[in-house]
Amino acid sequence: MPLGLGTPEVLIILAIALLILGPTKLPQLARALGQSLREFKKASSGLLDEEEKKAVASMKEKGGSEVDRETLEKIAAKLEIEQEGKTEEELVKEIVKKAREKGLVK
């Protein structure tokens, strides 16, 4: 478990939270926490989309549009990216995304 907490510790923390907050406030707190996490994930995924768009635009400005389809397909194959039915721009986005996941680029 995270932070080195085992099941007994988590149960004790939940019991204390139940005693402090009461049975009506605890579900509200859990709901608010869930909504906050959902909003955070939505916002962070939006940032990644913006970064991918910037990366594609940057590649085009630096001559990325001169990269031919064959080169993109070779790179995509090495990164194990499905290529069928994708445009060059979609391939570039997938390549950038996969490269970030693997820590090849920031």
N, C-alpha and C. Protein backbone atom coordinates (compact mmCIF):
# COMPACT_ATOMS: atom_id res chain seq x y z
N MET A 1 0.83 -1.19 0.00
CA MET A 1 0.00 0.00 0.00
C MET A 1 0.88 1.25 0.00
N PRO A 2 0.33 2.38 -0.43
CA PRO A 2 1.13 3.60 -0.46
C PRO A 2 1.50 4.07 0.95
N LEU A 3 2.64 4.72 1.02
CA LEU A 3 3.14 5.29 2.26
C LEU A 3 3.42 4.24 3.33
N GLY A 4 3.53 2.99 2.96
CA GLY A 4 3.85 1.94 3.91
C GLY A 4 2.72 1.63 4.87
N LEU A 5 1.49 1.98 4.52
CA LEU A 5 0.35 1.69 5.37
C LEU A 5 -0.24 0.34 5.01
N GLY A 6 -0.49 -0.46 6.03
CA GLY A 6 -1.14 -1.75 5.82
C GLY A 6 -2.63 -1.63 6.06
N THR A 7 -3.32 -2.75 5.94
CA THR A 7 -4.77 -2.77 6.13
C THR A 7 -5.17 -2.32 7.54
N PRO A 8 -4.52 -2.81 8.61
CA PRO A 8 -4.94 -2.36 9.95
C PRO A 8 -4.80 -0.85 10.14
N GLU A 9 -3.72 -0.27 9.61
CA GLU A 9 -3.53 1.16 9.76
C GLU A 9 -4.61 1.96 9.04
N VAL A 10 -4.96 1.50 7.83
CA VAL A 10 -5.99 2.19 7.05
C VAL A 10 -7.33 2.11 7.77
N LEU A 11 -7.64 0.93 8.33
CA LEU A 11 -8.90 0.78 9.06
C LEU A 11 -8.95 1.68 10.29
N ILE A 12 -7.84 1.82 10.98
CA ILE A 12 -7.79 2.70 12.15
C ILE A 12 -8.00 4.15 11.74
N ILE A 13 -7.35 4.56 10.64
CA ILE A 13 -7.52 5.93 10.15
C ILE A 13 -8.97 6.18 9.75
N LEU A 14 -9.59 5.22 9.07
CA LEU A 14 -11.00 5.37 8.68
C LEU A 14 -11.91 5.44 9.89
N ALA A 15 -11.63 4.65 10.92
CA ALA A 15 -12.44 4.67 12.13
C ALA A 15 -12.32 6.02 12.83
N ILE A 16 -11.12 6.56 12.91
CA ILE A 16 -10.92 7.88 13.53
C ILE A 16 -11.63 8.96 12.73
N ALA A 17 -11.53 8.88 11.39
CA ALA A 17 -12.21 9.86 10.54
C ALA A 17 -13.72 9.77 10.73
N LEU A 18 -14.25 8.56 10.88
CA LEU A 18 -15.67 8.38 11.10
C LEU A 18 -16.10 8.99 12.43
N LEU A 19 -15.27 8.81 13.46
CA LEU A 19 -15.59 9.38 14.77
C LEU A 19 -15.53 10.91 14.74
N ILE A 20 -14.54 11.46 14.06
CA ILE A 20 -14.37 12.91 14.03
C ILE A 20 -15.43 13.58 13.15
N LEU A 21 -15.62 13.05 11.94
CA LEU A 21 -16.51 13.69 10.98
C LEU A 21 -17.96 13.26 11.12
N GLY A 22 -18.18 12.08 11.61
CA GLY A 22 -19.55 11.57 11.72
C GLY A 22 -19.98 10.88 10.45
N PRO A 23 -21.04 10.09 10.54
CA PRO A 23 -21.47 9.29 9.39
C PRO A 23 -22.05 10.11 8.23
N THR A 24 -22.49 11.34 8.48
CA THR A 24 -23.06 12.14 7.39
C THR A 24 -21.99 12.92 6.63
N LYS A 25 -20.94 13.35 7.30
CA LYS A 25 -19.90 14.15 6.66
C LYS A 25 -18.89 13.30 5.89
N LEU A 26 -18.66 12.07 6.32
CA LEU A 26 -17.64 11.23 5.68
C LEU A 26 -17.95 10.96 4.20
N PRO A 27 -19.19 10.58 3.83
CA PRO A 27 -19.48 10.40 2.39
C PRO A 27 -19.33 11.68 1.58
N GLN A 28 -19.69 12.82 2.20
CA GLN A 28 -19.53 14.10 1.49
C GLN A 28 -18.06 14.39 1.24
N LEU A 29 -17.23 14.09 2.23
CA LEU A 29 -15.79 14.30 2.09
C LEU A 29 -15.22 13.39 1.00
N ALA A 30 -15.64 12.13 0.99
CA ALA A 30 -15.16 11.18 -0.02
C ALA A 30 -15.60 11.63 -1.42
N ARG A 31 -16.84 12.11 -1.54
CA ARG A 31 -17.35 12.58 -2.83
C ARG A 31 -16.55 13.79 -3.32
N ALA A 32 -16.29 14.72 -2.41
CA ALA A 32 -15.53 15.92 -2.77
C ALA A 32 -14.10 15.55 -3.18
N LEU A 33 -13.51 14.60 -2.47
CA LEU A 33 -12.16 14.15 -2.83
C LEU A 33 -12.16 13.50 -4.21
N GLY A 34 -13.15 12.67 -4.49
CA GLY A 34 -13.26 12.03 -5.81
C GLY A 34 -13.42 13.05 -6.93
N GLN A 35 -14.26 14.06 -6.69
CA GLN A 35 -14.46 15.10 -7.71
C GLN A 35 -13.18 15.90 -7.93
N SER A 36 -12.46 16.16 -6.86
CA SER A 36 -11.20 16.90 -6.99
C SER A 36 -10.19 16.12 -7.80
N LEU A 37 -10.07 14.82 -7.54
CA LEU A 37 -9.14 13.99 -8.30
C LEU A 37 -9.54 13.92 -9.77
N ARG A 38 -10.85 13.82 -10.03
CA ARG A 38 -11.34 13.76 -11.42
C ARG A 38 -11.00 15.06 -12.16
N GLU A 39 -11.22 16.20 -11.52
CA GLU A 39 -10.89 17.49 -12.12
C GLU A 39 -9.39 17.63 -12.38
N PHE A 40 -8.59 17.16 -11.42
CA PHE A 40 -7.14 17.22 -11.59
C PHE A 40 -6.69 16.39 -12.79
N LYS A 41 -7.23 15.18 -12.91
CA LYS A 41 -6.88 14.32 -14.05
C LYS A 41 -7.31 14.95 -15.37
N LYS A 42 -8.50 15.54 -15.38
CA LYS A 42 -9.00 16.17 -16.60
C LYS A 42 -8.09 17.33 -17.00
N ALA A 43 -7.71 18.13 -16.03
CA ALA A 43 -6.85 19.29 -16.31
C ALA A 43 -5.47 18.85 -16.77
N SER A 44 -4.91 17.82 -16.15
CA SER A 44 -3.58 17.38 -16.54
C SER A 44 -3.59 16.72 -17.91
N SER A 45 -4.66 16.01 -18.28
CA SER A 45 -4.71 15.43 -19.62
C SER A 45 -4.86 16.52 -20.67
N GLY A 46 -5.54 17.60 -20.34
CA GLY A 46 -5.66 18.74 -21.25
C GLY A 46 -4.32 19.38 -21.50
N LEU A 47 -3.48 19.44 -20.48
CA LEU A 47 -2.14 20.00 -20.64
C LEU A 47 -1.31 19.14 -21.58
N LEU A 48 -1.43 17.82 -21.47
CA LEU A 48 -0.68 16.94 -22.35
C LEU A 48 -1.10 17.14 -23.80
N ASP A 49 -2.41 17.30 -24.04
CA ASP A 49 -2.88 17.53 -25.40
C ASP A 49 -2.28 18.81 -25.97
N GLU A 50 -2.23 19.86 -25.15
CA GLU A 50 -1.66 21.12 -25.61
C GLU A 50 -0.17 20.96 -25.91
N GLU A 51 0.54 20.20 -25.07
CA GLU A 51 1.97 19.98 -25.29
C GLU A 51 2.20 19.19 -26.57
N GLU A 52 1.34 18.21 -26.86
CA GLU A 52 1.49 17.44 -28.09
C GLU A 52 1.27 18.34 -29.30
N LYS A 53 0.28 19.21 -29.25
CA LYS A 53 0.03 20.13 -30.36
C LYS A 53 1.24 21.05 -30.58
N LYS A 54 1.81 21.54 -29.48
CA LYS A 54 2.99 22.40 -29.59
C LYS A 54 4.16 21.63 -30.18
N ALA A 55 4.33 20.36 -29.78
CA ALA A 55 5.44 19.56 -30.29
C ALA A 55 5.29 19.33 -31.79
N VAL A 56 4.07 19.03 -32.23
CA VAL A 56 3.83 18.82 -33.66
C VAL A 56 4.10 20.11 -34.43
N ALA A 57 3.62 21.25 -33.91
CA ALA A 57 3.85 22.54 -34.57
C ALA A 57 5.33 22.86 -34.62
N SER A 58 6.04 22.55 -33.54
CA SER A 58 7.48 22.79 -33.48
C SER A 58 8.22 21.95 -34.51
N MET A 59 7.81 20.69 -34.65
CA MET A 59 8.44 19.81 -35.64
C MET A 59 8.23 20.36 -37.05
N LYS A 60 7.03 20.87 -37.30
CA LYS A 60 6.75 21.41 -38.63
C LYS A 60 7.59 22.65 -38.90
N GLU A 61 7.73 23.50 -37.87
CA GLU A 61 8.53 24.72 -38.04
C GLU A 61 9.99 24.40 -38.30
N LYS A 62 10.48 23.34 -37.67
CA LYS A 62 11.89 22.97 -37.80
C LYS A 62 12.14 22.04 -38.99
N GLY A 63 11.14 21.90 -39.83
CA GLY A 63 11.32 21.04 -40.99
C GLY A 63 10.77 19.65 -40.78
N GLY A 64 9.97 19.47 -39.75
CA GLY A 64 9.40 18.16 -39.47
C GLY A 64 8.47 17.69 -40.58
N SER A 65 7.93 18.63 -41.35
CA SER A 65 7.05 18.25 -42.45
C SER A 65 7.85 17.57 -43.56
N GLU A 66 9.19 17.71 -43.53
CA GLU A 66 10.02 17.07 -44.54
C GLU A 66 10.28 15.60 -44.24
N VAL A 67 9.91 15.17 -43.03
CA VAL A 67 10.07 13.76 -42.69
C VAL A 67 9.03 12.99 -43.49
N ASP A 68 9.52 12.01 -44.25
CA ASP A 68 8.60 11.29 -45.11
C ASP A 68 7.84 10.22 -44.32
N ARG A 69 6.79 9.72 -44.93
CA ARG A 69 5.90 8.75 -44.32
C ARG A 69 6.66 7.48 -43.92
N GLU A 70 7.60 7.07 -44.75
CA GLU A 70 8.36 5.85 -44.47
C GLU A 70 9.17 5.97 -43.17
N THR A 71 9.79 7.13 -42.97
CA THR A 71 10.57 7.36 -41.75
C THR A 71 9.66 7.34 -40.53
N LEU A 72 8.49 8.00 -40.64
CA LEU A 72 7.54 7.99 -39.53
C LEU A 72 7.09 6.56 -39.21
N GLU A 73 6.86 5.77 -40.24
CA GLU A 73 6.42 4.38 -40.03
C GLU A 73 7.51 3.55 -39.36
N LYS A 74 8.77 3.79 -39.72
CA LYS A 74 9.87 3.06 -39.09
C LYS A 74 9.98 3.40 -37.61
N ILE A 75 9.86 4.69 -37.31
CA ILE A 75 9.93 5.13 -35.91
C ILE A 75 8.75 4.56 -35.12
N ALA A 76 7.57 4.63 -35.72
CA ALA A 76 6.37 4.11 -35.06
C ALA A 76 6.50 2.61 -34.81
N ALA A 77 7.07 1.88 -35.77
CA ALA A 77 7.25 0.43 -35.60
C ALA A 77 8.21 0.14 -34.45
N LYS A 78 9.28 0.90 -34.35
CA LYS A 78 10.24 0.70 -33.26
C LYS A 78 9.62 1.00 -31.90
N LEU A 79 8.69 1.94 -31.86
CA LEU A 79 8.02 2.29 -30.61
C LEU A 79 6.74 1.47 -30.39
N GLU A 80 6.50 0.50 -31.27
CA GLU A 80 5.34 -0.40 -31.18
C GLU A 80 4.02 0.37 -31.21
N ILE A 81 3.89 1.26 -32.19
CA ILE A 81 2.69 2.07 -32.36
C ILE A 81 1.91 1.54 -33.56
N GLU A 82 0.61 1.36 -33.37
CA GLU A 82 -0.27 0.93 -34.46
C GLU A 82 -0.34 2.05 -35.49
N GLN A 83 -0.09 1.71 -36.77
CA GLN A 83 0.01 2.73 -37.81
C GLN A 83 -1.17 2.76 -38.76
N GLU A 84 -1.89 1.70 -38.84
CA GLU A 84 -2.93 1.55 -39.85
C GLU A 84 -4.00 2.63 -39.75
N GLY A 85 -4.25 3.30 -40.87
CA GLY A 85 -5.32 4.28 -40.97
C GLY A 85 -5.03 5.62 -40.30
N LYS A 86 -3.79 5.88 -39.94
CA LYS A 86 -3.46 7.14 -39.27
C LYS A 86 -2.77 8.09 -40.24
N THR A 87 -3.08 9.37 -40.08
CA THR A 87 -2.41 10.38 -40.90
C THR A 87 -1.01 10.61 -40.35
N GLU A 88 -0.20 11.36 -41.11
CA GLU A 88 1.16 11.66 -40.65
C GLU A 88 1.12 12.45 -39.34
N GLU A 89 0.19 13.39 -39.22
CA GLU A 89 0.10 14.18 -38.00
C GLU A 89 -0.28 13.30 -36.81
N GLU A 90 -1.18 12.36 -37.02
CA GLU A 90 -1.57 11.45 -35.93
C GLU A 90 -0.39 10.58 -35.52
N LEU A 91 0.38 10.13 -36.51
CA LEU A 91 1.57 9.34 -36.20
C LEU A 91 2.58 10.13 -35.40
N VAL A 92 2.78 11.39 -35.77
CA VAL A 92 3.72 12.24 -35.05
C VAL A 92 3.26 12.40 -33.60
N LYS A 93 1.96 12.64 -33.40
CA LYS A 93 1.42 12.78 -32.05
C LYS A 93 1.66 11.50 -31.24
N GLU A 94 1.38 10.35 -31.84
CA GLU A 94 1.58 9.07 -31.15
C GLU A 94 3.06 8.84 -30.82
N ILE A 95 3.93 9.20 -31.75
CA ILE A 95 5.37 9.02 -31.53
C ILE A 95 5.83 9.89 -30.36
N VAL A 96 5.39 11.16 -30.34
CA VAL A 96 5.77 12.07 -29.26
C VAL A 96 5.23 11.55 -27.93
N LYS A 97 3.98 11.10 -27.93
CA LYS A 97 3.37 10.59 -26.69
C LYS A 97 4.13 9.37 -26.17
N LYS A 98 4.42 8.42 -27.05
CA LYS A 98 5.12 7.20 -26.65
C LYS A 98 6.53 7.51 -26.20
N ALA A 99 7.20 8.44 -26.87
CA ALA A 99 8.56 8.82 -26.49
C ALA A 99 8.57 9.44 -25.10
N ARG A 100 7.55 10.23 -24.78
CA ARG A 100 7.45 10.82 -23.44
C ARG A 100 7.22 9.73 -22.40
N GLU A 101 6.35 8.77 -22.73
CA GLU A 101 6.08 7.68 -21.79
C GLU A 101 7.35 6.90 -21.48
N LYS A 102 8.18 6.72 -22.48
CA LYS A 102 9.40 5.95 -22.30
C LYS A 102 10.55 6.80 -21.78
N GLY A 103 10.31 8.10 -21.59
CA GLY A 103 11.34 8.98 -21.05
C GLY A 103 12.39 9.37 -22.06
N LEU A 104 12.08 9.24 -23.35
CA LEU A 104 13.04 9.59 -24.39
C LEU A 104 13.11 11.10 -24.63
N VAL A 105 11.98 11.77 -24.41
CA VAL A 105 11.92 13.23 -24.54
C VAL A 105 11.10 13.79 -23.39
N LYS A 106 11.28 15.09 -23.14
CA LYS A 106 10.51 15.72 -22.05
C LYS A 106 9.25 16.32 -22.57
